[in-house]
């Protein structure tokens, strides 16, 4: 039996004028191509966030970037990158994005790839999110809640799929970034068992 040990990760630190970033670098993988793919996706997303937040367009924008590991086991690496940008005014803006990989191949997974091809995962997940919104009494900017996006932001953490929304996307700034953890057992019949989510079962 092959045991999928956690991947080795070191934290890179980049500090320049108006910018300080901490991000993960994967190393020591037997498959060097997979290692390269994972590191490429991480740095690409980081650069994309900086463009999205106006770092290059606005000389007043300051950015602080960090990351959190959510899963590093069973051949699955799931993490979030978080960028806080401040350009003056009442408050800055944080953007959080999730990345989930198969560490054997380096493949990055989209939400739909976690589920069986015919599974109506949008309907099932939307129903669970709607229930949590009601139970947690989350104020909605644009009620009523309709459904999640087919490419909703997510990460995998232990035995849960965690869906989340950006600031102002679902609720007011004061509520922060809303996260919706969903147990893998609640959606087990829909899950593609070969996917990173399937490996959590």
C-alpha atoms as a PDB file:
ATOM      1  CA  UNK A   1       0.000   0.000   0.000  1.00  0.00           C
ATOM      2  CA  UNK A   2       1.376   3.415  -1.010  1.00  0.00           C
ATOM      3  CA  UNK A   3       0.898   6.107   1.588  1.00  0.00           C
ATOM      4  CA  UNK A   4       0.545   9.611   0.143  1.00  0.00           C
ATOM      5  CA  UNK A   5       2.768  11.676   2.399  1.00  0.00           C
ATOM      6  CA  UNK A   6       2.298  15.464   2.625  1.00  0.00           C
ATOM      7  CA  UNK A   7       4.257  17.520   0.093  1.00  0.00           C
ATOM      8  CA  UNK A   8       7.125  19.657   1.295  1.00  0.00           C
ATOM      9  CA  UNK A   9       6.465  23.376   1.239  1.00  0.00           C
ATOM     10  CA  UNK A  10       8.615  26.380   1.984  1.00  0.00           C
ATOM     11  CA  UNK A  11       7.448  29.966   2.281  1.00  0.00           C
ATOM     12  CA  UNK A  12       8.860  32.480  -0.172  1.00  0.00           C
ATOM     13  CA  UNK A  13       8.986  36.106   0.936  1.00  0.00           C
ATOM     14  CA  UNK A  14       9.135  39.005  -1.513  1.00  0.00           C
ATOM     15  CA  UNK A  15       9.363  42.556  -0.232  1.00  0.00           C
ATOM     16  CA  UNK A  16       9.510  45.570  -2.535  1.00  0.00           C
ATOM     17  CA  UNK A  17       8.167  49.085  -2.480  1.00  0.00           C
ATOM     18  CA  UNK A  18       4.358  48.966  -1.903  1.00  0.00           C
ATOM     19  CA  UNK A  19       4.358  45.157  -1.864  1.00  0.00           C
ATOM     20  CA  UNK A  20       5.039  42.366   0.608  1.00  0.00           C
ATOM     21  CA  UNK A  21       4.135  38.812  -0.365  1.00  0.00           C
ATOM     22  CA  UNK A  22       4.368  35.456   1.378  1.00  0.00           C
ATOM     23  CA  UNK A  23       3.568  32.479  -0.835  1.00  0.00           C
ATOM     24  CA  UNK A  24       4.185  28.717  -0.875  1.00  0.00           C
ATOM     25  CA  UNK A  25       6.722  26.865  -2.989  1.00  0.00           C
ATOM     26  CA  UNK A  26       6.337  23.104  -3.342  1.00  0.00           C
ATOM     27  CA  UNK A  27       9.560  21.098  -3.549  1.00  0.00           C
ATOM     28  CA  UNK A  28      10.877  17.538  -3.368  1.00  0.00           C
ATOM     29  CA  UNK A  29       8.076  15.916  -5.395  1.00  0.00           C
ATOM     30  CA  UNK A  30       9.121  12.734  -7.231  1.00  0.00           C
ATOM     31  CA  UNK A  31       7.327  14.065 -10.337  1.00  0.00           C
ATOM     32  CA  UNK A  32       9.225  17.247 -11.238  1.00  0.00           C
ATOM     33  CA  UNK A  33       6.708  18.143 -13.935  1.00  0.00           C
ATOM     34  CA  UNK A  34       3.893  18.040 -11.355  1.00  0.00           C
ATOM     35  CA  UNK A  35       5.987  20.186  -9.001  1.00  0.00           C
ATOM     36  CA  UNK A  36       6.570  22.743 -11.749  1.00  0.00           C
ATOM     37  CA  UNK A  37       2.859  22.834 -12.682  1.00  0.00           C
ATOM     38  CA  UNK A  38       1.798  23.463  -9.074  1.00  0.00           C
ATOM     39  CA  UNK A  39       4.346  26.232  -8.503  1.00  0.00           C
ATOM     40  CA  UNK A  40       3.466  27.820 -11.846  1.00  0.00           C
ATOM     41  CA  UNK A  41      -0.259  27.926 -10.965  1.00  0.00           C
ATOM     42  CA  UNK A  42       0.494  29.490  -7.566  1.00  0.00           C
ATOM     43  CA  UNK A  43       2.726  32.270  -8.939  1.00  0.00           C
ATOM     44  CA  UNK A  44       0.395  32.883 -11.906  1.00  0.00           C
ATOM     45  CA  UNK A  45      -2.585  33.381  -9.613  1.00  0.00           C
ATOM     46  CA  UNK A  46      -0.584  35.683  -7.368  1.00  0.00           C
ATOM     47  CA  UNK A  47       0.365  37.886 -10.357  1.00  0.00           C
ATOM     48  CA  UNK A  48      -3.228  37.832 -11.607  1.00  0.00           C
ATOM     49  CA  UNK A  49      -4.496  39.063  -8.213  1.00  0.00           C
ATOM     50  CA  UNK A  50      -2.025  41.945  -8.250  1.00  0.00           C
ATOM     51  CA  UNK A  51      -3.252  43.024 -11.683  1.00  0.00           C
ATOM     52  CA  UNK A  52      -6.882  42.608 -10.588  1.00  0.00           C
ATOM     53  CA  UNK A  53      -6.274  44.798  -7.532  1.00  0.00           C
ATOM     54  CA  UNK A  54      -4.722  47.607  -9.534  1.00  0.00           C
ATOM     55  CA  UNK A  55      -1.156  47.359  -8.224  1.00  0.00           C
ATOM     56  CA  UNK A  56       0.403  48.264 -11.570  1.00  0.00           C
ATOM     57  CA  UNK A  57      -2.194  50.884 -12.576  1.00  0.00           C
ATOM     58  CA  UNK A  58      -2.373  52.828  -9.306  1.00  0.00           C
ATOM     59  CA  UNK A  59       0.901  54.077  -7.764  1.00  0.00           C
ATOM     60  CA  UNK A  60      -0.881  54.478  -4.396  1.00  0.00           C
ATOM     61  CA  UNK A  61      -1.882  50.809  -4.132  1.00  0.00           C
ATOM     62  CA  UNK A  62      -0.064  48.786  -1.479  1.00  0.00           C
ATOM     63  CA  UNK A  63      -0.447  45.011  -1.406  1.00  0.00           C
ATOM     64  CA  UNK A  64       0.157  42.420   1.287  1.00  0.00           C
ATOM     65  CA  UNK A  65      -0.149  38.781   0.251  1.00  0.00           C
ATOM     66  CA  UNK A  66      -0.318  35.620   2.357  1.00  0.00           C
ATOM     67  CA  UNK A  67      -1.471  32.031   2.090  1.00  0.00           C
ATOM     68  CA  UNK A  68      -3.072  29.261   4.138  1.00  0.00           C
ATOM     69  CA  UNK A  69      -2.677  25.519   3.678  1.00  0.00           C
ATOM     70  CA  UNK A  70      -6.049  23.795   3.930  1.00  0.00           C
ATOM     71  CA  UNK A  71      -5.221  20.182   2.974  1.00  0.00           C
ATOM     72  CA  UNK A  72      -1.856  18.506   2.468  1.00  0.00           C
ATOM     73  CA  UNK A  73      -2.504  14.763   2.604  1.00  0.00           C
ATOM     74  CA  UNK A  74      -3.646  11.787   0.505  1.00  0.00           C
ATOM     75  CA  UNK A  75      -2.058  13.224  -2.629  1.00  0.00           C
ATOM     76  CA  UNK A  76      -4.148  16.386  -2.343  1.00  0.00           C
ATOM     77  CA  UNK A  77      -2.892  19.934  -1.846  1.00  0.00           C
ATOM     78  CA  UNK A  78      -5.526  22.608  -1.271  1.00  0.00           C
ATOM     79  CA  UNK A  79      -4.653  26.159  -0.259  1.00  0.00           C
ATOM     80  CA  UNK A  80      -5.814  29.752  -0.417  1.00  0.00           C
ATOM     81  CA  UNK A  81      -3.961  32.859  -1.520  1.00  0.00           C
ATOM     82  CA  UNK A  82      -5.079  36.081   0.136  1.00  0.00           C
ATOM     83  CA  UNK A  83      -4.174  39.552  -1.125  1.00  0.00           C
ATOM     84  CA  UNK A  84      -4.992  42.727   0.787  1.00  0.00           C
ATOM     85  CA  UNK A  85      -4.798  45.914  -1.274  1.00  0.00           C
ATOM     86  CA  UNK A  86      -5.016  49.440   0.130  1.00  0.00           C
ATOM     87  CA  UNK A  87      -5.214  52.520  -2.071  1.00  0.00           C
ATOM     88  CA  UNK A  88      -6.422  55.052   0.504  1.00  0.00           C
ATOM     89  CA  UNK A  89      -9.987  55.608   1.670  1.00  0.00           C
ATOM     90  CA  UNK A  90     -11.996  54.006   4.450  1.00  0.00           C
ATOM     91  CA  UNK A  91     -10.676  50.479   4.060  1.00  0.00           C
ATOM     92  CA  UNK A  92      -8.701  48.191   1.785  1.00  0.00           C
ATOM     93  CA  UNK A  93      -9.952  45.191  -0.167  1.00  0.00           C
ATOM     94  CA  UNK A  94      -9.046  41.559   0.396  1.00  0.00           C
ATOM     95  CA  UNK A  95      -9.328  38.966  -2.355  1.00  0.00           C
ATOM     96  CA  UNK A  96      -9.066  35.265  -1.496  1.00  0.00           C
ATOM     97  CA  UNK A  97      -8.682  32.524  -4.100  1.00  0.00           C
ATOM     98  CA  UNK A  98      -8.473  28.770  -3.667  1.00  0.00           C
ATOM     99  CA  UNK A  99      -6.244  26.287  -5.497  1.00  0.00           C
ATOM    100  CA  UNK A 100      -6.632  22.509  -5.295  1.00  0.00           C
ATOM    101  CA  UNK A 101      -4.159  20.046  -6.838  1.00  0.00           C
ATOM    102  CA  UNK A 102      -3.511  16.382  -7.331  1.00  0.00           C
ATOM    103  CA  UNK A 103       0.116  16.244  -6.152  1.00  0.00           C
ATOM    104  CA  UNK A 104       0.943  13.168  -8.259  1.00  0.00           C
ATOM    105  CA  UNK A 105       0.103  14.847 -11.568  1.00  0.00           C
ATOM    106  CA  UNK A 106       0.124  18.557 -10.664  1.00  0.00           C
ATOM    107  CA  UNK A 107      -3.374  18.918 -12.104  1.00  0.00           C
ATOM    108  CA  UNK A 108      -5.357  21.884 -10.810  1.00  0.00           C
ATOM    109  CA  UNK A 109      -9.032  21.078 -10.239  1.00  0.00           C
ATOM    110  CA  UNK A 110     -12.066  23.228 -11.009  1.00  0.00           C
ATOM    111  CA  UNK A 111     -15.240  22.785  -8.967  1.00  0.00           C
ATOM    112  CA  UNK A 112     -17.121  20.774 -11.615  1.00  0.00           C
ATOM    113  CA  UNK A 113     -14.252  18.264 -11.836  1.00  0.00           C
ATOM    114  CA  UNK A 114     -14.839  17.196  -8.228  1.00  0.00           C
ATOM    115  CA  UNK A 115     -18.207  15.721  -9.205  1.00  0.00           C
ATOM    116  CA  UNK A 116     -19.533  12.988 -11.481  1.00  0.00           C
ATOM    117  CA  UNK A 117     -20.226  14.229 -15.041  1.00  0.00           C
ATOM    118  CA  UNK A 118     -24.035  13.889 -14.762  1.00  0.00           C
ATOM    119  CA  UNK A 119     -24.299  15.150 -11.187  1.00  0.00           C
ATOM    120  CA  UNK A 120     -26.349  18.320 -10.672  1.00  0.00           C
ATOM    121  CA  UNK A 121     -23.808  19.627  -8.173  1.00  0.00           C
ATOM    122  CA  UNK A 122     -24.862  23.283  -8.603  1.00  0.00           C
ATOM    123  CA  UNK A 123     -28.403  22.511  -7.449  1.00  0.00           C
ATOM    124  CA  UNK A 124     -27.266  20.327  -4.530  1.00  0.00           C
ATOM    125  CA  UNK A 125     -24.610  22.748  -3.262  1.00  0.00           C
ATOM    126  CA  UNK A 126     -26.887  25.768  -3.748  1.00  0.00           C
ATOM    127  CA  UNK A 127     -29.539  24.133  -1.577  1.00  0.00           C
ATOM    128  CA  UNK A 128     -27.003  23.555   1.234  1.00  0.00           C
ATOM    129  CA  UNK A 129     -25.644  27.119   0.986  1.00  0.00           C
ATOM    130  CA  UNK A 130     -29.201  28.552   1.025  1.00  0.00           C
ATOM    131  CA  UNK A 131     -29.922  26.556   4.195  1.00  0.00           C
ATOM    132  CA  UNK A 132     -26.744  27.834   5.871  1.00  0.00           C
ATOM    133  CA  UNK A 133     -27.549  31.443   4.895  1.00  0.00           C
ATOM    134  CA  UNK A 134     -30.932  31.081   6.596  1.00  0.00           C
ATOM    135  CA  UNK A 135     -29.577  29.298   9.674  1.00  0.00           C
ATOM    136  CA  UNK A 136     -26.733  31.792  10.125  1.00  0.00           C
ATOM    137  CA  UNK A 137     -29.009  34.765   9.354  1.00  0.00           C
ATOM    138  CA  UNK A 138     -26.577  36.190   6.775  1.00  0.00           C
ATOM    139  CA  UNK A 139     -27.643  39.560   5.396  1.00  0.00           C
ATOM    140  CA  UNK A 140     -27.772  39.426   1.574  1.00  0.00           C
ATOM    141  CA  UNK A 141     -27.023  42.421  -0.642  1.00  0.00           C
ATOM    142  CA  UNK A 142     -29.239  41.030  -3.383  1.00  0.00           C
ATOM    143  CA  UNK A 143     -31.888  38.725  -1.896  1.00  0.00           C
ATOM    144  CA  UNK A 144     -33.080  36.102  -2.303  1.00  0.00           C
ATOM    145  CA  UNK A 145     -30.105  33.775  -2.753  1.00  0.00           C
ATOM    146  CA  UNK A 146     -30.485  31.967  -6.071  1.00  0.00           C
ATOM    147  CA  UNK A 147     -27.613  29.584  -6.651  1.00  0.00           C
ATOM    148  CA  UNK A 148     -23.853  29.208  -6.552  1.00  0.00           C
ATOM    149  CA  UNK A 149     -21.779  29.766  -9.660  1.00  0.00           C
ATOM    150  CA  UNK A 150     -20.667  26.669 -11.594  1.00  0.00           C
ATOM    151  CA  UNK A 151     -17.077  27.815 -10.978  1.00  0.00           C
ATOM    152  CA  UNK A 152     -17.597  28.974  -7.386  1.00  0.00           C
ATOM    153  CA  UNK A 153     -14.493  29.721  -5.290  1.00  0.00           C
ATOM    154  CA  UNK A 154     -13.638  26.737  -3.085  1.00  0.00           C
ATOM    155  CA  UNK A 155     -11.030  24.795  -1.184  1.00  0.00           C
ATOM    156  CA  UNK A 156     -10.932  21.380   0.473  1.00  0.00           C
ATOM    157  CA  UNK A 157     -10.328  21.168   4.202  1.00  0.00           C
ATOM    158  CA  UNK A 158     -10.225  17.803   5.963  1.00  0.00           C
ATOM    159  CA  UNK A 159     -13.596  16.143   5.297  1.00  0.00           C
ATOM    160  CA  UNK A 160     -15.282  19.231   3.885  1.00  0.00           C
ATOM    161  CA  UNK A 161     -15.688  21.162   0.679  1.00  0.00           C
ATOM    162  CA  UNK A 162     -15.649  24.857   1.597  1.00  0.00           C
ATOM    163  CA  UNK A 163     -17.356  27.282  -0.802  1.00  0.00           C
ATOM    164  CA  UNK A 164     -16.788  30.995  -0.351  1.00  0.00           C
ATOM    165  CA  UNK A 165     -17.632  34.415  -1.754  1.00  0.00           C
ATOM    166  CA  UNK A 166     -15.556  37.548  -2.229  1.00  0.00           C
ATOM    167  CA  UNK A 167     -16.251  40.796  -0.374  1.00  0.00           C
ATOM    168  CA  UNK A 168     -19.459  42.480  -1.603  1.00  0.00           C
ATOM    169  CA  UNK A 169     -20.300  39.451  -3.770  1.00  0.00           C
ATOM    170  CA  UNK A 170     -22.966  38.109  -1.424  1.00  0.00           C
ATOM    171  CA  UNK A 171     -23.117  40.287   1.668  1.00  0.00           C
ATOM    172  CA  UNK A 172     -21.907  43.616   3.104  1.00  0.00           C
ATOM    173  CA  UNK A 173     -18.208  44.389   3.714  1.00  0.00           C
ATOM    174  CA  UNK A 174     -18.670  44.243   7.495  1.00  0.00           C
ATOM    175  CA  UNK A 175     -19.502  40.533   7.274  1.00  0.00           C
ATOM    176  CA  UNK A 176     -16.116  39.737   5.721  1.00  0.00           C
ATOM    177  CA  UNK A 177     -15.663  36.824   3.344  1.00  0.00           C
ATOM    178  CA  UNK A 178     -18.479  34.291   3.902  1.00  0.00           C
ATOM    179  CA  UNK A 179     -17.427  30.614   3.984  1.00  0.00           C
ATOM    180  CA  UNK A 180     -19.778  27.641   3.638  1.00  0.00           C
ATOM    181  CA  UNK A 181     -18.332  24.299   4.786  1.00  0.00           C
ATOM    182  CA  UNK A 182     -20.090  21.234   3.370  1.00  0.00           C
ATOM    183  CA  UNK A 183     -19.334  17.747   4.702  1.00  0.00           C
ATOM    184  CA  UNK A 184     -18.185  15.301   2.017  1.00  0.00           C
ATOM    185  CA  UNK A 185     -20.671  12.784   3.425  1.00  0.00           C
ATOM    186  CA  UNK A 186     -23.574  15.142   2.752  1.00  0.00           C
ATOM    187  CA  UNK A 187     -22.781  15.122  -0.984  1.00  0.00           C
ATOM    188  CA  UNK A 188     -21.068  11.724  -1.296  1.00  0.00           C
ATOM    189  CA  UNK A 189     -23.280  10.294  -4.119  1.00  0.00           C
ATOM    190  CA  UNK A 190     -22.332  13.229  -6.380  1.00  0.00           C
ATOM    191  CA  UNK A 191     -18.569  13.098  -5.833  1.00  0.00           C
ATOM    192  CA  UNK A 192     -16.113  11.814  -8.420  1.00  0.00           C
ATOM    193  CA  UNK A 193     -14.120   9.390  -6.286  1.00  0.00           C
ATOM    194  CA  UNK A 194     -11.009   9.894  -8.429  1.00  0.00           C
ATOM    195  CA  UNK A 195     -10.999  13.631  -7.675  1.00  0.00           C
ATOM    196  CA  UNK A 196      -9.264  15.320  -4.708  1.00  0.00           C
ATOM    197  CA  UNK A 197     -12.645  15.522  -2.951  1.00  0.00           C
ATOM    198  CA  UNK A 198     -13.166  11.776  -3.502  1.00  0.00           C
ATOM    199  CA  UNK A 199      -9.872  11.084  -1.757  1.00  0.00           C
ATOM    200  CA  UNK A 200     -11.276  12.662   1.418  1.00  0.00           C
ATOM    201  CA  UNK A 201     -13.995  10.003   1.688  1.00  0.00           C
END
